[in-house]
N, C-alpha and C. Protein backbone atom coordinates (compact mmCIF):
# COMPACT_ATOMS: atom_id res chain seq x y z
N UNK A 1 -20.27 -6.83 21.89
CA UNK A 1 -19.29 -5.71 21.38
C UNK A 1 -18.65 -5.03 22.58
N UNK A 2 -17.20 -4.94 22.38
CA UNK A 2 -16.33 -4.51 23.89
C UNK A 2 -16.67 -2.94 23.80
N UNK A 3 -16.60 -3.04 25.52
CA UNK A 3 -16.75 -1.51 25.61
C UNK A 3 -15.31 -0.51 25.45
N UNK A 4 -15.71 0.71 25.14
CA UNK A 4 -14.75 1.59 24.60
C UNK A 4 -14.00 2.35 25.97
N UNK A 5 -12.61 2.11 25.50
CA UNK A 5 -11.82 2.46 27.00
C UNK A 5 -11.95 4.19 26.70
N UNK A 6 -11.75 4.40 28.23
CA UNK A 6 -11.73 5.97 28.65
C UNK A 6 -10.54 6.75 28.00
N UNK A 7 -10.82 7.60 27.14
CA UNK A 7 -9.73 8.57 26.75
C UNK A 7 -8.75 8.85 28.02
N UNK A 8 -7.03 8.58 27.58
CA UNK A 8 -5.69 8.94 28.65
C UNK A 8 -5.47 9.79 27.93
N UNK A 9 -4.61 10.87 28.72
CA UNK A 9 -3.76 11.96 28.20
C UNK A 9 -2.97 11.16 27.13
N UNK A 10 -2.20 9.59 27.40
CA UNK A 10 -1.16 9.33 26.45
C UNK A 10 -2.36 9.12 24.98
N UNK A 11 -3.15 8.53 25.14
CA UNK A 11 -4.14 8.15 23.95
C UNK A 11 -4.14 9.66 23.18
N UNK A 12 -4.84 10.80 23.93
CA UNK A 12 -4.96 12.08 23.50
C UNK A 12 -3.50 12.51 22.87
N UNK A 13 -2.55 12.52 23.35
CA UNK A 13 -1.32 12.89 22.72
C UNK A 13 -0.99 12.11 21.37
N UNK A 14 -1.24 10.96 21.44
CA UNK A 14 -1.08 10.07 20.28
C UNK A 14 -2.04 10.70 19.08
N UNK A 15 -3.17 10.88 19.80
CA UNK A 15 -4.24 11.26 18.47
C UNK A 15 -3.76 12.34 17.81
N UNK A 16 -3.51 13.36 18.75
CA UNK A 16 -3.02 14.77 18.49
C UNK A 16 -2.00 14.90 17.52
N UNK A 17 -0.71 13.69 17.75
CA UNK A 17 0.25 13.90 16.97
C UNK A 17 0.17 13.20 15.52
N UNK A 18 -0.75 12.09 15.88
CA UNK A 18 -1.28 11.53 14.19
C UNK A 18 -1.91 12.22 13.76
N UNK A 19 -2.67 13.11 14.10
CA UNK A 19 -3.73 14.21 13.30
C UNK A 19 -2.56 14.87 12.85
N UNK A 20 -1.69 15.56 13.69
CA UNK A 20 -0.56 16.45 12.87
C UNK A 20 0.08 15.84 11.53
N UNK A 21 0.60 14.87 12.05
CA UNK A 21 1.34 14.32 10.95
C UNK A 21 0.77 13.06 9.95
N UNK A 22 -0.37 12.85 9.98
CA UNK A 22 -0.98 11.78 9.30
C UNK A 22 -0.99 10.60 9.34
N UNK A 23 -0.01 10.06 10.33
CA UNK A 23 0.09 8.72 10.58
C UNK A 23 0.94 8.34 11.93
N UNK A 24 1.33 7.26 12.60
CA UNK A 24 1.88 6.99 13.81
C UNK A 24 2.96 5.79 13.52
N UNK A 25 4.22 5.75 14.01
CA UNK A 25 4.79 4.12 14.18
C UNK A 25 4.61 3.57 15.41
N UNK A 26 4.54 2.60 15.12
CA UNK A 26 4.66 1.45 16.59
C UNK A 26 5.34 2.17 17.56
N UNK A 27 6.83 2.42 16.88
CA UNK A 27 7.44 2.76 18.50
C UNK A 27 6.93 4.21 19.06
N UNK A 28 6.08 5.01 18.56
CA UNK A 28 5.66 6.25 19.19
C UNK A 28 4.48 5.59 20.16
N UNK A 29 3.73 4.81 19.36
CA UNK A 29 2.57 4.03 20.62
C UNK A 29 3.03 3.48 21.93
N UNK A 30 4.49 2.63 21.22
CA UNK A 30 5.15 1.83 22.67
C UNK A 30 5.60 2.86 23.57
N UNK A 31 6.00 3.72 22.94
CA UNK A 31 6.83 4.86 23.82
C UNK A 31 5.71 5.33 25.15
N UNK A 32 4.55 5.57 24.52
CA UNK A 32 3.39 5.89 25.33
C UNK A 32 2.86 5.07 26.40
N UNK A 33 2.96 3.54 25.89
CA UNK A 33 2.27 2.62 26.09
C UNK A 33 3.49 1.30 26.15
N UNK A 34 4.71 1.49 27.02
CA UNK A 34 5.88 0.11 27.25
C UNK A 34 4.74 -1.07 27.59
N UNK A 35 4.13 -0.67 28.45
CA UNK A 35 3.33 -2.15 28.86
C UNK A 35 2.03 -2.22 28.33
N UNK A 36 2.02 -2.46 26.94
CA UNK A 36 1.07 -2.62 25.95
C UNK A 36 0.14 -3.84 26.25
N UNK A 37 0.68 -5.27 26.77
CA UNK A 37 0.20 -6.14 27.03
C UNK A 37 -0.92 -5.68 28.26
N UNK A 38 -0.58 -5.02 29.21
CA UNK A 38 -1.34 -4.98 30.03
C UNK A 38 -2.35 -3.57 30.17
N UNK A 39 -2.63 -3.04 28.31
CA UNK A 39 -3.32 -2.30 28.53
C UNK A 39 -4.24 -2.22 27.11
N UNK A 40 -4.41 -3.52 26.70
CA UNK A 40 -5.20 -3.83 25.26
C UNK A 40 -6.25 -2.88 25.10
N UNK A 41 -7.08 -3.30 26.17
CA UNK A 41 -8.63 -2.32 25.68
C UNK A 41 -8.35 -0.84 25.25
N UNK A 42 -7.39 -0.26 26.30
CA UNK A 42 -7.11 0.67 25.86
C UNK A 42 -6.27 1.52 24.86
N UNK A 43 -5.23 0.31 24.03
CA UNK A 43 -4.83 0.40 22.88
C UNK A 43 -5.96 0.15 21.60
N UNK A 44 -6.99 -0.82 22.01
CA UNK A 44 -8.06 -1.12 21.00
C UNK A 44 -8.62 0.22 20.91
N UNK A 45 -9.15 1.20 21.93
CA UNK A 45 -9.78 2.41 21.86
C UNK A 45 -8.92 3.19 20.81
N UNK A 46 -7.78 3.32 21.35
CA UNK A 46 -6.69 4.17 20.64
C UNK A 46 -6.70 3.81 19.08
N UNK A 47 -6.56 2.45 18.33
CA UNK A 47 -6.84 1.87 17.18
C UNK A 47 -7.84 2.32 16.52
N UNK A 48 -8.98 2.36 17.23
CA UNK A 48 -10.36 2.72 16.83
C UNK A 48 -10.60 4.24 16.29
N UNK A 49 -10.21 4.96 17.45
CA UNK A 49 -10.38 6.44 17.41
C UNK A 49 -9.10 6.53 16.09
N UNK A 50 -8.08 6.61 15.90
CA UNK A 50 -7.00 6.60 14.88
C UNK A 50 -7.79 6.21 13.65
N UNK A 51 -8.11 5.03 13.86
CA UNK A 51 -9.26 4.75 12.29
C UNK A 51 -10.24 5.93 11.83
N UNK A 52 -10.72 6.06 12.71
CA UNK A 52 -11.88 7.01 12.67
C UNK A 52 -11.22 8.60 11.78
N UNK A 53 -10.49 8.74 12.59
CA UNK A 53 -9.40 10.26 12.18
C UNK A 53 -8.90 10.09 10.88
N UNK A 54 -8.55 8.57 10.55
CA UNK A 54 -7.77 8.74 8.97
C UNK A 54 -6.60 8.37 9.63
N UNK A 55 -5.84 8.36 10.61
CA UNK A 55 -4.58 8.24 10.80
C UNK A 55 -4.02 7.10 10.72
N UNK A 56 -2.72 6.81 9.88
CA UNK A 56 -2.70 5.42 9.54
C UNK A 56 -1.31 4.50 10.88
N UNK A 57 -1.23 3.59 11.13
CA UNK A 57 -0.13 3.23 11.85
C UNK A 57 0.78 2.50 11.37
N UNK A 58 2.16 2.63 10.86
CA UNK A 58 3.09 2.01 10.65
C UNK A 58 4.21 1.21 11.33
N UNK A 59 4.42 0.33 10.44
CA UNK A 59 5.50 -0.29 11.57
C UNK A 59 6.77 0.68 11.64
N UNK A 60 7.74 0.33 12.31
CA UNK A 60 8.33 1.40 12.48
C UNK A 60 9.95 0.83 11.74
N UNK A 61 10.48 1.72 11.13
CA UNK A 61 11.77 1.80 10.41
C UNK A 61 12.75 1.23 11.37
N UNK A 62 13.28 -0.11 11.39
CA UNK A 62 14.68 -0.19 12.34
C UNK A 62 16.39 0.54 11.85
N UNK A 63 17.09 0.84 13.20
CA UNK A 63 17.89 1.22 12.20
C UNK A 63 18.60 0.38 11.62
N UNK A 64 18.35 -0.55 11.25
CA UNK A 64 18.96 -1.53 10.29
C UNK A 64 18.52 -1.08 8.92
N UNK A 65 17.17 -0.75 8.64
CA UNK A 65 16.73 -0.65 7.29
C UNK A 65 17.16 0.86 7.27
N UNK A 66 17.49 1.60 8.21
CA UNK A 66 18.10 3.20 7.72
C UNK A 66 19.35 3.11 7.05
N UNK A 67 20.05 2.31 7.90
CA UNK A 67 21.20 2.05 7.28
C UNK A 67 21.44 1.56 5.93
N UNK A 68 20.37 0.75 5.70
CA UNK A 68 20.30 -0.28 4.33
C UNK A 68 19.87 1.07 2.96
N UNK A 69 18.82 2.22 3.74
CA UNK A 69 18.55 2.96 2.75
C UNK A 69 19.40 4.09 2.69
N UNK A 70 20.33 4.52 3.35
CA UNK A 70 21.66 5.41 3.26
C UNK A 70 22.57 4.34 2.44
N UNK A 71 22.75 3.09 2.51
CA UNK A 71 23.67 2.42 1.54
C UNK A 71 23.21 2.70 -0.04
N UNK A 72 22.05 2.40 0.05
CA UNK A 72 21.09 2.57 -1.29
C UNK A 72 21.14 3.86 -2.00
N UNK A 73 21.23 5.19 -1.06
CA UNK A 73 21.63 6.23 -2.06
C UNK A 73 22.62 6.61 -2.19
N UNK A 74 23.70 5.95 -1.56
CA UNK A 74 25.18 6.07 -2.03
C UNK A 74 25.63 5.44 -2.92
N UNK A 75 24.74 4.35 -3.44
CA UNK A 75 25.10 3.65 -4.68
C UNK A 75 24.35 4.06 -5.66
N UNK A 76 23.39 4.40 -5.43
CA UNK A 76 22.47 5.47 -6.41
C UNK A 76 23.24 6.80 -6.87
N UNK A 77 23.92 7.21 -6.01
CA UNK A 77 24.87 8.41 -6.32
C UNK A 77 25.94 8.08 -6.87
N UNK A 78 26.49 7.01 -6.81
CA UNK A 78 27.84 6.82 -7.55
C UNK A 78 27.52 6.06 -8.80
N UNK A 79 26.37 5.81 -9.14
CA UNK A 79 25.85 4.91 -10.47
C UNK A 79 25.59 6.20 -11.30
N UNK A 80 24.88 7.19 -10.73
CA UNK A 80 24.65 8.75 -11.72
C UNK A 80 26.06 9.37 -11.82
N UNK A 81 26.98 9.51 -10.97
CA UNK A 81 28.52 9.67 -11.20
C UNK A 81 28.99 8.98 -12.21
N UNK A 82 28.86 7.64 -12.27
CA UNK A 82 29.63 7.15 -13.20
C UNK A 82 28.83 7.12 -14.40
N UNK A 83 27.18 7.14 -14.70
CA UNK A 83 26.41 7.83 -15.73
C UNK A 83 27.00 8.64 -16.41
N UNK A 84 27.34 9.68 -15.74
CA UNK A 84 27.68 10.94 -16.40
C UNK A 84 28.97 10.99 -16.69
N UNK A 85 30.07 9.79 -16.85
CA UNK A 85 31.39 9.84 -17.36
C UNK A 85 31.17 8.83 -18.40
N UNK A 86 30.05 7.96 -18.41
CA UNK A 86 30.27 6.41 -19.11
C UNK A 86 29.84 7.12 -20.51
N UNK A 87 30.96 6.24 -21.41
CA UNK A 87 31.37 5.91 -22.53
C UNK A 87 30.38 4.78 -23.35
N UNK A 88 29.16 4.99 -24.23
CA UNK A 88 28.40 3.85 -24.13
C UNK A 88 28.37 4.15 -25.93
N UNK A 89 29.14 4.89 -26.45
CA UNK A 89 29.26 4.91 -28.35
C UNK A 89 28.05 5.66 -28.31
N UNK A 90 27.35 4.89 -29.29
CA UNK A 90 26.04 6.26 -29.99
C UNK A 90 25.17 6.25 -29.18
N UNK A 91 25.07 5.26 -28.16
CA UNK A 91 23.44 5.40 -27.06
C UNK A 91 23.76 6.36 -26.42
N UNK A 92 24.71 6.74 -25.69
CA UNK A 92 25.12 8.15 -24.89
C UNK A 92 25.51 9.55 -25.93
N UNK A 93 24.75 10.67 -25.69
CA UNK A 93 25.25 11.74 -26.07
C UNK A 93 25.21 13.06 -25.21
N UNK A 94 25.32 13.91 -25.75
CA UNK A 94 25.66 15.20 -24.90
C UNK A 94 24.37 14.87 -24.16
N UNK A 95 23.26 15.86 -24.76
CA UNK A 95 22.12 15.99 -24.04
C UNK A 95 21.73 15.03 -22.92
N UNK A 96 22.36 13.67 -23.05
CA UNK A 96 21.95 12.90 -21.96
C UNK A 96 22.79 12.84 -20.85
N UNK A 97 24.07 13.35 -21.30
CA UNK A 97 25.03 13.76 -19.71
C UNK A 97 24.54 14.58 -19.30
N UNK A 98 24.20 15.83 -20.18
CA UNK A 98 23.52 16.88 -19.42
C UNK A 98 22.55 16.74 -18.57
N UNK A 99 21.72 16.05 -18.86
CA UNK A 99 20.44 15.52 -18.03
C UNK A 99 20.75 14.61 -16.72
N UNK A 100 21.51 13.81 -17.03
CA UNK A 100 22.00 12.94 -15.94
C UNK A 100 22.80 14.15 -14.57
N UNK A 101 23.56 15.00 -15.06
CA UNK A 101 24.11 16.29 -14.48
C UNK A 101 23.13 17.12 -13.80
N UNK A 102 22.07 17.37 -14.12
CA UNK A 102 20.63 18.08 -13.77
C UNK A 102 20.13 17.21 -13.04
N UNK A 103 19.79 15.72 -13.06
CA UNK A 103 19.10 15.13 -11.82
C UNK A 103 19.68 14.85 -10.76
N UNK A 104 21.16 14.81 -11.09
CA UNK A 104 22.05 14.48 -10.01
C UNK A 104 22.05 15.86 -8.51
N UNK A 105 22.06 17.05 -9.36
CA UNK A 105 21.66 17.89 -8.23
C UNK A 105 20.44 17.98 -7.25
N UNK A 106 19.50 17.15 -7.88
CA UNK A 106 18.25 17.03 -6.96
C UNK A 106 17.94 16.20 -6.08
N UNK A 107 17.71 16.80 -4.83
CA UNK A 107 18.11 15.90 -3.53
C UNK A 107 17.35 14.89 -3.33
N UNK A 108 17.57 13.69 -2.58
CA UNK A 108 16.31 12.61 -2.49
C UNK A 108 15.60 12.87 -1.18
N UNK A 109 14.51 12.29 -1.29
CA UNK A 109 13.20 12.44 -0.20
C UNK A 109 13.58 11.88 0.88
N UNK A 110 13.50 12.18 2.01
CA UNK A 110 12.84 10.83 2.93
C UNK A 110 11.84 10.62 3.13
N UNK A 111 11.20 9.43 3.73
CA UNK A 111 10.24 8.80 3.88
C UNK A 111 9.33 9.87 4.19
N UNK A 112 9.37 10.32 5.26
CA UNK A 112 8.69 11.47 5.81
C UNK A 112 8.48 12.32 4.64
N UNK A 113 9.04 12.74 4.29
CA UNK A 113 8.73 13.76 2.60
C UNK A 113 8.17 13.12 1.88
N UNK A 114 8.18 12.12 1.82
CA UNK A 114 7.30 11.23 0.48
C UNK A 114 6.03 11.50 1.28
N UNK A 115 5.96 10.78 2.38
CA UNK A 115 4.21 10.94 2.96
C UNK A 115 3.95 12.53 2.42
N UNK A 116 4.26 13.49 3.07
CA UNK A 116 4.02 14.91 3.02
C UNK A 116 3.35 15.23 1.88
N UNK A 117 4.57 14.93 0.55
CA UNK A 117 4.24 15.31 -0.53
C UNK A 117 3.15 14.47 -1.17
N UNK A 118 2.82 13.18 -0.93
CA UNK A 118 1.39 12.42 -1.23
C UNK A 118 0.21 12.98 -0.93
N UNK A 119 0.21 13.64 0.52
CA UNK A 119 -0.91 14.26 1.11
C UNK A 119 -1.27 15.38 0.58
N UNK A 120 -0.05 15.87 0.17
CA UNK A 120 -0.49 17.41 -0.91
C UNK A 120 -1.09 16.94 -1.96
N UNK A 121 -0.24 15.93 -2.55
CA UNK A 121 -0.72 15.60 -4.16
C UNK A 121 -2.11 15.03 -3.99
N UNK A 122 -2.74 14.69 -2.87
CA UNK A 122 -3.99 13.93 -2.74
C UNK A 122 -5.30 15.56 -3.02
N UNK A 123 -4.29 16.47 -2.89
CA UNK A 123 -5.34 17.92 -2.42
C UNK A 123 -5.25 18.78 -3.82
N UNK A 124 -4.60 18.14 -4.30
CA UNK A 124 -4.40 18.76 -5.94
C UNK A 124 -3.00 19.68 -6.32
N UNK A 125 -2.00 19.46 -5.76
CA UNK A 125 -0.85 20.42 -5.34
C UNK A 125 0.13 19.99 -6.43
N UNK A 126 0.16 20.79 -7.78
CA UNK A 126 0.76 20.18 -8.37
C UNK A 126 2.52 20.46 -8.32
N UNK A 127 2.75 21.31 -7.58
CA UNK A 127 4.36 21.55 -7.24
C UNK A 127 4.68 20.34 -6.52
N UNK A 128 4.39 19.40 -5.50
CA UNK A 128 4.54 18.46 -4.95
C UNK A 128 4.31 17.28 -5.89
N UNK A 129 3.26 17.27 -6.80
CA UNK A 129 3.43 16.46 -7.53
C UNK A 129 4.82 16.29 -8.39
N UNK A 130 5.33 17.39 -8.73
CA UNK A 130 6.59 17.95 -9.56
C UNK A 130 7.27 17.34 -8.70
N UNK A 131 7.46 17.54 -7.19
CA UNK A 131 8.80 17.47 -6.44
C UNK A 131 8.97 15.98 -6.51
N UNK A 132 7.66 15.23 -5.98
CA UNK A 132 7.82 14.13 -5.93
C UNK A 132 8.60 13.02 -7.26
N UNK A 133 8.19 13.77 -8.09
CA UNK A 133 8.37 12.94 -9.62
C UNK A 133 10.03 13.10 -9.70
N UNK A 134 10.43 14.78 -9.59
CA UNK A 134 11.94 14.93 -9.74
C UNK A 134 12.73 14.13 -8.68
N UNK A 135 12.17 13.84 -7.47
CA UNK A 135 13.01 13.42 -6.73
C UNK A 135 13.48 11.92 -6.99
N UNK A 136 12.63 11.28 -7.84
CA UNK A 136 12.89 9.70 -7.98
C UNK A 136 13.32 9.48 -9.61
N UNK A 137 14.01 10.88 -10.23
CA UNK A 137 14.39 10.36 -11.51
C UNK A 137 15.72 9.72 -11.59
N UNK A 138 16.07 9.74 -10.43
CA UNK A 138 17.89 9.16 -10.69
C UNK A 138 17.20 7.53 -10.28
N UNK A 139 16.05 7.24 -9.78
CA UNK A 139 15.88 5.49 -9.54
C UNK A 139 15.42 4.96 -11.24
N UNK A 140 14.66 5.81 -12.15
CA UNK A 140 14.62 5.74 -13.00
C UNK A 140 16.05 5.68 -14.36
N UNK A 141 16.67 6.28 -14.24
CA UNK A 141 17.88 6.00 -14.78
C UNK A 141 18.89 5.11 -13.94
N UNK A 142 19.05 4.75 -12.92
CA UNK A 142 19.69 3.55 -12.35
C UNK A 142 18.57 2.26 -13.23
N UNK A 143 17.79 2.26 -13.01
CA UNK A 143 17.16 0.96 -13.80
C UNK A 143 17.39 0.94 -15.27
N UNK A 144 17.28 2.14 -15.86
CA UNK A 144 17.51 2.49 -17.28
C UNK A 144 18.87 1.90 -17.95
N UNK A 145 19.47 1.95 -16.47
CA UNK A 145 21.16 1.86 -17.45
C UNK A 145 20.96 0.24 -17.49
N UNK A 146 20.45 -0.52 -16.69
CA UNK A 146 20.51 -1.86 -17.10
C UNK A 146 20.20 -2.50 -18.02
N UNK A 147 19.66 -1.65 -18.74
CA UNK A 147 18.82 -2.38 -20.07
C UNK A 147 19.60 -1.90 -21.16
N UNK A 148 20.51 -0.99 -21.00
CA UNK A 148 21.14 -0.16 -22.33
C UNK A 148 21.90 -1.08 -23.07
N UNK A 149 22.31 -2.35 -22.63
CA UNK A 149 23.03 -3.29 -24.06
C UNK A 149 22.20 -4.51 -24.47
N UNK A 150 20.55 -3.75 -24.11
CA UNK A 150 19.63 -5.07 -24.92
C UNK A 150 19.49 -4.57 -26.21
N UNK A 151 19.95 -3.40 -27.04
CA UNK A 151 19.38 -2.79 -28.31
C UNK A 151 18.88 -1.54 -28.35
N UNK A 152 18.42 -1.07 -26.56
CA UNK A 152 17.83 0.49 -26.71
C UNK A 152 18.82 1.78 -26.33
N UNK A 153 18.64 2.47 -26.91
CA UNK A 153 19.28 3.81 -26.08
C UNK A 153 18.67 4.22 -25.01
N UNK A 154 19.93 4.80 -24.20
CA UNK A 154 19.96 5.33 -22.57
C UNK A 154 18.50 6.27 -22.88
N UNK A 155 18.76 7.35 -23.83
CA UNK A 155 17.73 8.42 -24.08
C UNK A 155 16.15 7.61 -23.89
N UNK A 156 15.90 6.54 -24.76
CA UNK A 156 14.80 6.00 -24.76
C UNK A 156 14.15 5.15 -23.89
N UNK A 157 15.16 4.72 -23.05
CA UNK A 157 14.77 4.10 -21.72
C UNK A 157 14.36 5.14 -20.99
N UNK A 158 15.10 5.97 -20.79
CA UNK A 158 14.84 7.10 -19.56
C UNK A 158 13.55 7.68 -19.84
N UNK A 159 13.35 7.82 -21.25
CA UNK A 159 12.05 8.44 -21.50
C UNK A 159 11.01 7.57 -21.13
N UNK A 160 11.05 6.24 -21.48
CA UNK A 160 10.17 5.73 -20.96
C UNK A 160 9.52 5.29 -19.28
N UNK A 161 10.94 5.22 -19.12
CA UNK A 161 10.79 5.18 -17.34
C UNK A 161 10.43 6.49 -17.11
N UNK A 162 10.31 7.50 -17.39
CA UNK A 162 9.78 8.98 -16.64
C UNK A 162 8.21 8.72 -17.02
N UNK A 163 8.29 8.51 -18.21
CA UNK A 163 7.00 7.78 -18.19
C UNK A 163 6.01 7.41 -17.02
N UNK A 164 6.55 6.09 -17.25
CA UNK A 164 6.10 5.01 -16.18
C UNK A 164 6.39 5.73 -14.44
N UNK A 165 6.95 6.54 -14.09
CA UNK A 165 7.56 7.29 -13.00
C UNK A 165 6.06 8.37 -12.72
N UNK A 166 5.82 9.15 -13.63
CA UNK A 166 4.68 9.93 -13.71
C UNK A 166 3.48 9.07 -13.50
N UNK A 167 2.92 8.12 -14.06
CA UNK A 167 1.90 7.36 -13.74
C UNK A 167 1.93 6.73 -12.55
N UNK A 168 3.19 6.36 -11.62
CA UNK A 168 3.50 5.54 -10.27
C UNK A 168 3.41 6.41 -9.64
N UNK A 169 3.64 8.15 -9.80
CA UNK A 169 3.34 9.09 -8.66
C UNK A 169 2.07 9.63 -8.41
N UNK A 170 1.23 9.80 -9.48
CA UNK A 170 -0.40 9.34 -9.81
C UNK A 170 -1.16 8.77 -8.76
N UNK A 171 -0.54 7.38 -8.95
CA UNK A 171 -1.28 5.97 -8.28
C UNK A 171 -0.76 6.35 -7.40
N UNK A 172 0.53 6.30 -6.44
CA UNK A 172 0.98 5.95 -5.58
C UNK A 172 -0.04 6.36 -4.03
N UNK A 173 -0.11 5.33 -3.37
CA UNK A 173 -0.79 5.31 -1.87
C UNK A 173 -0.28 5.30 -0.65
N UNK A 174 0.24 6.77 -0.44
CA UNK A 174 0.93 6.28 1.09
C UNK A 174 0.41 5.92 2.33
N UNK A 175 -0.72 5.74 2.33
CA UNK A 175 -1.29 4.78 3.59
C UNK A 175 -0.96 3.36 3.53
N UNK A 176 -0.50 2.78 2.46
CA UNK A 176 -0.10 1.24 2.42
C UNK A 176 1.31 1.16 3.47
N UNK A 177 2.01 2.08 3.37
CA UNK A 177 2.90 1.90 4.30
C UNK A 177 4.70 1.78 3.46
N UNK A 178 4.22 1.85 2.26
CA UNK A 178 5.34 1.58 1.22
C UNK A 178 6.28 2.86 1.24
N UNK A 179 7.70 2.74 1.15
CA UNK A 179 8.21 3.91 0.24
C UNK A 179 7.95 3.95 -1.06
N UNK A 180 7.78 5.23 -1.87
CA UNK A 180 7.50 5.40 -2.92
C UNK A 180 8.75 4.65 -3.99
N UNK A 181 9.74 4.83 -3.35
CA UNK A 181 10.42 4.53 -4.47
C UNK A 181 11.15 2.74 -4.36
N UNK A 182 10.07 2.21 -3.82
CA UNK A 182 10.47 0.56 -3.43
C UNK A 182 9.50 0.00 -4.50
């Protein structure tokens, strides 16, 4: 059995930060331990302590990933705007347009906000569940739009998608490190 490393100031800082936010990123750990290869036993002790505390460690989101996320948000906004103006004959009605305008007003969540809401949901916070659901309604519409020309109305597709979204919010496990909307 490996001998546990003595707690250091860096280890204590990371443990406190992890306990506060519920997770740490590898970049946060590497800021405190830039010479990680030389402090394997200390890092092993840190990861053990984080595990005991229930603090998850996620890979860091790179700048490139953040740019992709921003592009995806911009594309979703354009799709929502196009949907509000879309003329699909029988499948689009005034209530659908009103719904699209309303969900277009709801701000999208950042990954940290998703994690925070998921933690609150675990504690039974219904408002957090509602916010996580509402913030992802655009995703449902974006997916539903792709199936409009297959014989189903946009309204029916959105309704089924929203039911699926509600089930997904109930089952979402933020500890696995995935964004909710992926």
